[in-house]
Amino acid sequence: MARQNVLGVYADADSAAAGARSLRAAGFTGEDYEVLTGNPYPEGAFGDHPKRNKLFVFPIAGGLTGFSLALLFTAGTQAAFPLVTGGKPILAIPAMMIIMYEMSLLFAMIFTVMGVIFESRLPRFSGAGPVYDPRITLGYIGLLATVEEERIPAARQALQDGGAADVVGETTTA
């Protein structure tokens, strides 16, 4: 079922909060809309719940991947080309630890950058992006509702009942 975007543009924070209350009263959840603003507002200022991200998973996975690869490379190299020096063990653990530390950090950084790109939903491969109004960068506040096609009229009405200065656009997001 295709989902559509409807954007309500509000002149101030109080009217945007009223619009969010109107959306919730119409049966929409916090997952159905998001607040767009160019100004910093505290978390929950519009009655929305902060969205949880999973960014912390990426550096952990990268660190473990780097550590595992470094252990494999160093142990594999020393086992493939054994060089016995004065009766010392073939696997030189202190030298391996330096390489494992460096590769853990390297992979954690690479995975973190990939995680930021992934969590930011970049790049957008679909041609239809969310509706946007340039007034948002000038201080207006937008409530972007992403709903099923049959709920578009209810969303438009809820945004208008909340005191929207303007309700714009609809695009299919699949």
C-alpha atoms as a PDB file:
ATOM      1  CA  MET A   1       0.000   0.000   0.000  1.00  0.00           C
ATOM      2  CA  ALA A   2       1.432   3.378  -1.024  1.00  0.00           C
ATOM      3  CA  ARG A   3       2.034   6.004   1.605  1.00  0.00           C
ATOM      4  CA  GLN A   4       1.721   9.715   0.968  1.00  0.00           C
ATOM      5  CA  ASN A   5       3.378  12.751   2.556  1.00  0.00           C
ATOM      6  CA  VAL A   6       1.357  15.762   3.697  1.00  0.00           C
ATOM      7  CA  LEU A   7       3.131  18.792   5.155  1.00  0.00           C
ATOM      8  CA  GLY A   8       1.511  21.321   7.449  1.00  0.00           C
ATOM      9  CA  VAL A   9       3.445  24.590   7.836  1.00  0.00           C
ATOM     10  CA  TYR A  10       3.043  26.486  11.129  1.00  0.00           C
ATOM     11  CA  ALA A  11       4.122  30.019  11.997  1.00  0.00           C
ATOM     12  CA  ASP A  12       5.183  29.358  15.597  1.00  0.00           C
ATOM     13  CA  ALA A  13       5.905  26.590  18.089  1.00  0.00           C
ATOM     14  CA  ASP A  14       2.573  26.839  19.896  1.00  0.00           C
ATOM     15  CA  SER A  15       0.549  26.321  16.743  1.00  0.00           C
ATOM     16  CA  ALA A  16       2.839  23.437  15.709  1.00  0.00           C
ATOM     17  CA  ALA A  17       2.262  21.792  19.097  1.00  0.00           C
ATOM     18  CA  ALA A  18      -1.489  22.269  18.574  1.00  0.00           C
ATOM     19  CA  GLY A  19      -1.125  20.653  15.147  1.00  0.00           C
ATOM     20  CA  ALA A  20       0.670  17.665  16.681  1.00  0.00           C
ATOM     21  CA  ARG A  21      -2.089  17.327  19.296  1.00  0.00           C
ATOM     22  CA  SER A  22      -4.665  17.525  16.504  1.00  0.00           C
ATOM     23  CA  LEU A  23      -2.904  14.729  14.590  1.00  0.00           C
ATOM     24  CA  ARG A  24      -2.818  12.512  17.693  1.00  0.00           C
ATOM     25  CA  ALA A  25      -6.495  13.276  18.378  1.00  0.00           C
ATOM     26  CA  ALA A  26      -7.298  12.178  14.809  1.00  0.00           C
ATOM     27  CA  GLY A  27      -5.760   8.776  15.508  1.00  0.00           C
ATOM     28  CA  PHE A  28      -2.241   9.255  14.145  1.00  0.00           C
ATOM     29  CA  THR A  29       0.710   8.071  16.201  1.00  0.00           C
ATOM     30  CA  GLY A  30       4.121   9.622  16.685  1.00  0.00           C
ATOM     31  CA  GLU A  31       5.439   7.232  14.030  1.00  0.00           C
ATOM     32  CA  ASP A  32       3.102   8.768  11.447  1.00  0.00           C
ATOM     33  CA  TYR A  33       4.550  12.280  11.554  1.00  0.00           C
ATOM     34  CA  GLU A  34       7.781  14.126  12.181  1.00  0.00           C
ATOM     35  CA  VAL A  35       8.631  17.713  13.038  1.00  0.00           C
ATOM     36  CA  LEU A  36      10.730  19.717  10.567  1.00  0.00           C
ATOM     37  CA  THR A  37      12.341  22.903  11.847  1.00  0.00           C
ATOM     38  CA  GLY A  38      15.399  24.985  11.163  1.00  0.00           C
ATOM     39  CA  ASN A  39      15.563  26.202  14.773  1.00  0.00           C
ATOM     40  CA  PRO A  40      16.648  24.212  17.811  1.00  0.00           C
ATOM     41  CA  TYR A  41      13.836  23.175  20.145  1.00  0.00           C
ATOM     42  CA  PRO A  42      14.114  20.900  23.173  1.00  0.00           C
ATOM     43  CA  GLU A  43      13.218  17.228  22.800  1.00  0.00           C
ATOM     44  CA  GLY A  44       9.476  16.711  23.059  1.00  0.00           C
ATOM     45  CA  ALA A  45       8.583  20.392  22.612  1.00  0.00           C
ATOM     46  CA  PHE A  46       5.871  19.417  20.132  1.00  0.00           C
ATOM     47  CA  GLY A  47       4.686  16.323  21.949  1.00  0.00           C
ATOM     48  CA  ASP A  48       6.799  14.034  19.795  1.00  0.00           C
ATOM     49  CA  HIS A  49       8.972  11.293  21.179  1.00  0.00           C
ATOM     50  CA  PRO A  50      12.652  11.273  20.239  1.00  0.00           C
ATOM     51  CA  LYS A  51      13.442   8.644  17.646  1.00  0.00           C
ATOM     52  CA  ARG A  52      15.926   6.015  18.734  1.00  0.00           C
ATOM     53  CA  ASN A  53      18.879   5.430  16.484  1.00  0.00           C
ATOM     54  CA  LYS A  54      21.060   2.392  16.201  1.00  0.00           C
ATOM     55  CA  LEU A  55      24.292   4.231  15.521  1.00  0.00           C
ATOM     56  CA  PHE A  56      26.093   2.652  18.496  1.00  0.00           C
ATOM     57  CA  VAL A  57      25.903  -0.773  16.812  1.00  0.00           C
ATOM     58  CA  PHE A  58      28.119   0.272  13.894  1.00  0.00           C
ATOM     59  CA  PRO A  59      31.350   1.087  15.788  1.00  0.00           C
ATOM     60  CA  ILE A  60      30.957  -2.008  17.953  1.00  0.00           C
ATOM     61  CA  ALA A  61      30.542  -4.200  14.876  1.00  0.00           C
ATOM     62  CA  GLY A  62      33.447  -2.424  13.178  1.00  0.00           C
ATOM     63  CA  GLY A  63      35.723  -2.841  16.177  1.00  0.00           C
ATOM     64  CA  LEU A  64      34.944  -6.538  16.459  1.00  0.00           C
ATOM     65  CA  THR A  65      35.421  -6.997  12.711  1.00  0.00           C
ATOM     66  CA  GLY A  66      38.767  -5.200  12.760  1.00  0.00           C
ATOM     67  CA  PHE A  67      39.954  -7.133  15.804  1.00  0.00           C
ATOM     68  CA  SER A  68      38.966 -10.455  14.224  1.00  0.00           C
ATOM     69  CA  LEU A  69      40.602  -9.642  10.880  1.00  0.00           C
ATOM     70  CA  ALA A  70      43.784  -8.441  12.574  1.00  0.00           C
ATOM     71  CA  LEU A  71      43.952 -11.603  14.666  1.00  0.00           C
ATOM     72  CA  LEU A  72      43.425 -13.697  11.540  1.00  0.00           C
ATOM     73  CA  PHE A  73      46.033 -11.792   9.501  1.00  0.00           C
ATOM     74  CA  THR A  74      48.740 -11.681  12.172  1.00  0.00           C
ATOM     75  CA  ALA A  75      48.291 -15.255  13.388  1.00  0.00           C
ATOM     76  CA  GLY A  76      47.921 -16.528   9.823  1.00  0.00           C
ATOM     77  CA  THR A  77      51.043 -14.723   8.625  1.00  0.00           C
ATOM     78  CA  GLN A  78      53.158 -15.943  11.543  1.00  0.00           C
ATOM     79  CA  ALA A  79      51.853 -19.500  11.167  1.00  0.00           C
ATOM     80  CA  ALA A  80      52.351 -19.518   7.380  1.00  0.00           C
ATOM     81  CA  PHE A  81      55.936 -18.248   7.645  1.00  0.00           C
ATOM     82  CA  PRO A  82      57.269 -19.586  10.938  1.00  0.00           C
ATOM     83  CA  LEU A  83      60.472 -17.893  12.040  1.00  0.00           C
ATOM     84  CA  VAL A  84      61.861 -19.470  15.192  1.00  0.00           C
ATOM     85  CA  THR A  85      64.123 -16.984  16.942  1.00  0.00           C
ATOM     86  CA  GLY A  86      66.023 -18.131  20.002  1.00  0.00           C
ATOM     87  CA  GLY A  87      63.348 -20.563  21.157  1.00  0.00           C
ATOM     88  CA  LYS A  88      60.626 -17.886  21.369  1.00  0.00           C
ATOM     89  CA  PRO A  89      57.039 -18.793  20.456  1.00  0.00           C
ATOM     90  CA  ILE A  90      55.986 -18.409  16.838  1.00  0.00           C
ATOM     91  CA  LEU A  91      52.993 -16.173  17.686  1.00  0.00           C
ATOM     92  CA  ALA A  92      54.355 -12.918  19.110  1.00  0.00           C
ATOM     93  CA  ILE A  93      51.393 -11.719  21.175  1.00  0.00           C
ATOM     94  CA  PRO A  94      52.704  -8.190  22.068  1.00  0.00           C
ATOM     95  CA  ALA A  95      53.331  -7.371  18.404  1.00  0.00           C
ATOM     96  CA  MET A  96      49.928  -8.804  17.449  1.00  0.00           C
ATOM     97  CA  MET A  97      48.172  -6.653  20.064  1.00  0.00           C
ATOM     98  CA  ILE A  98      49.413  -3.430  18.449  1.00  0.00           C
ATOM     99  CA  ILE A  99      48.073  -4.444  15.039  1.00  0.00           C
ATOM    100  CA  MET A 100      44.782  -5.685  16.523  1.00  0.00           C
ATOM    101  CA  TYR A 101      44.324  -2.373  18.371  1.00  0.00           C
ATOM    102  CA  GLU A 102      45.010  -0.291  15.263  1.00  0.00           C
ATOM    103  CA  MET A 103      42.732  -2.353  13.009  1.00  0.00           C
ATOM    104  CA  SER A 104      39.974  -2.309  15.634  1.00  0.00           C
ATOM    105  CA  LEU A 105      40.076   1.501  15.668  1.00  0.00           C
ATOM    106  CA  LEU A 106      40.320   1.748  11.886  1.00  0.00           C
ATOM    107  CA  PHE A 107      37.315  -0.500  11.294  1.00  0.00           C
ATOM    108  CA  ALA A 108      35.330   1.170  14.086  1.00  0.00           C
ATOM    109  CA  MET A 109      35.850   4.555  12.397  1.00  0.00           C
ATOM    110  CA  ILE A 110      34.967   3.225   8.940  1.00  0.00           C
ATOM    111  CA  PHE A 111      31.828   1.514  10.241  1.00  0.00           C
ATOM    112  CA  THR A 112      30.851   4.667  12.166  1.00  0.00           C
ATOM    113  CA  VAL A 113      30.976   6.764   8.985  1.00  0.00           C
ATOM    114  CA  MET A 114      28.921   4.123   7.182  1.00  0.00           C
ATOM    115  CA  GLY A 115      26.479   4.099  10.112  1.00  0.00           C
ATOM    116  CA  VAL A 116      26.032   7.869  10.008  1.00  0.00           C
ATOM    117  CA  ILE A 117      25.294   7.665   6.287  1.00  0.00           C
ATOM    118  CA  PHE A 118      22.881   4.776   6.861  1.00  0.00           C
ATOM    119  CA  GLU A 119      21.084   6.415   9.821  1.00  0.00           C
ATOM    120  CA  SER A 120      20.775   9.653   7.828  1.00  0.00           C
ATOM    121  CA  ARG A 121      18.995   7.673   5.099  1.00  0.00           C
ATOM    122  CA  LEU A 122      21.500   8.766   2.482  1.00  0.00           C
ATOM    123  CA  PRO A 123      21.606   8.547  -0.455  1.00  0.00           C
ATOM    124  CA  ARG A 124      17.943   8.626  -1.418  1.00  0.00           C
ATOM    125  CA  PHE A 125      17.566   6.268  -4.374  1.00  0.00           C
ATOM    126  CA  SER A 126      13.856   6.800  -4.894  1.00  0.00           C
ATOM    127  CA  GLY A 127      12.953   9.842  -6.936  1.00  0.00           C
ATOM    128  CA  ALA A 128      10.146  10.985  -4.656  1.00  0.00           C
ATOM    129  CA  GLY A 129      11.408  12.527  -1.476  1.00  0.00           C
ATOM    130  CA  PRO A 130       9.423  14.021   1.338  1.00  0.00           C
ATOM    131  CA  VAL A 131       7.547  17.235   0.723  1.00  0.00           C
ATOM    132  CA  TYR A 132       9.458  20.314   1.842  1.00  0.00           C
ATOM    133  CA  ASP A 133       8.612  24.005   2.097  1.00  0.00           C
ATOM    134  CA  PRO A 134      11.403  26.625   1.965  1.00  0.00           C
ATOM    135  CA  ARG A 135       9.652  28.638   4.694  1.00  0.00           C
ATOM    136  CA  ILE A 136      10.886  26.061   7.206  1.00  0.00           C
ATOM    137  CA  THR A 137      14.422  27.456   6.856  1.00  0.00           C
ATOM    138  CA  LEU A 138      13.017  30.941   7.565  1.00  0.00           C
ATOM    139  CA  GLY A 139      11.627  30.001  10.978  1.00  0.00           C
ATOM    140  CA  TYR A 140       8.366  28.224  10.223  1.00  0.00           C
ATOM    141  CA  ILE A 141       7.772  24.749  11.616  1.00  0.00           C
ATOM    142  CA  GLY A 142       6.591  21.823   9.520  1.00  0.00           C
ATOM    143  CA  LEU A 143       4.688  18.707  10.515  1.00  0.00           C
ATOM    144  CA  LEU A 144       5.286  16.031   7.891  1.00  0.00           C
ATOM    145  CA  ALA A 145       2.647  13.296   8.083  1.00  0.00           C
ATOM    146  CA  THR A 146       3.360  10.089   6.165  1.00  0.00           C
ATOM    147  CA  VAL A 147       0.107   8.149   5.920  1.00  0.00           C
ATOM    148  CA  GLU A 148      -1.766   5.672   3.740  1.00  0.00           C
ATOM    149  CA  GLU A 149      -3.633   7.058   0.749  1.00  0.00           C
ATOM    150  CA  GLU A 150      -7.078   6.618   2.271  1.00  0.00           C
ATOM    151  CA  ARG A 151      -6.069   8.614   5.379  1.00  0.00           C
ATOM    152  CA  ILE A 152      -4.846  11.675   3.415  1.00  0.00           C
ATOM    153  CA  PRO A 153      -8.064  13.689   3.912  1.00  0.00           C
ATOM    154  CA  ALA A 154      -8.040  13.013   7.654  1.00  0.00           C
ATOM    155  CA  ALA A 155      -4.391  14.102   7.894  1.00  0.00           C
ATOM    156  CA  ARG A 156      -5.027  17.271   5.888  1.00  0.00           C
ATOM    157  CA  GLN A 157      -8.037  18.103   8.059  1.00  0.00           C
ATOM    158  CA  ALA A 158      -6.115  17.446  11.288  1.00  0.00           C
ATOM    159  CA  LEU A 159      -3.255  19.677  10.149  1.00  0.00           C
ATOM    160  CA  GLN A 160      -5.678  22.458   9.214  1.00  0.00           C
ATOM    161  CA  ASP A 161      -7.610  22.067  12.481  1.00  0.00           C
ATOM    162  CA  GLY A 162      -4.310  22.448  14.331  1.00  0.00           C
ATOM    163  CA  GLY A 163      -3.861  25.933  12.895  1.00  0.00           C
ATOM    164  CA  ALA A 164      -1.562  25.311   9.941  1.00  0.00           C
ATOM    165  CA  ALA A 165      -0.693  28.394   7.911  1.00  0.00           C
ATOM    166  CA  ASP A 166      -0.584  26.151   4.852  1.00  0.00           C
ATOM    167  CA  VAL A 167      -0.942  22.449   4.004  1.00  0.00           C
ATOM    168  CA  VAL A 168       1.173  21.456   1.019  1.00  0.00           C
ATOM    169  CA  GLY A 169       2.018  18.545  -1.223  1.00  0.00           C
ATOM    170  CA  GLU A 170       1.466  14.878  -1.538  1.00  0.00           C
ATOM    171  CA  THR A 171       4.028  12.450  -2.952  1.00  0.00           C
ATOM    172  CA  THR A 172       4.037   8.675  -3.034  1.00  0.00           C
ATOM    173  CA  THR A 173       6.743   7.027  -0.895  1.00  0.00           C
ATOM    174  CA  ALA A 174       5.798   3.332  -1.365  1.00  0.00           C
END
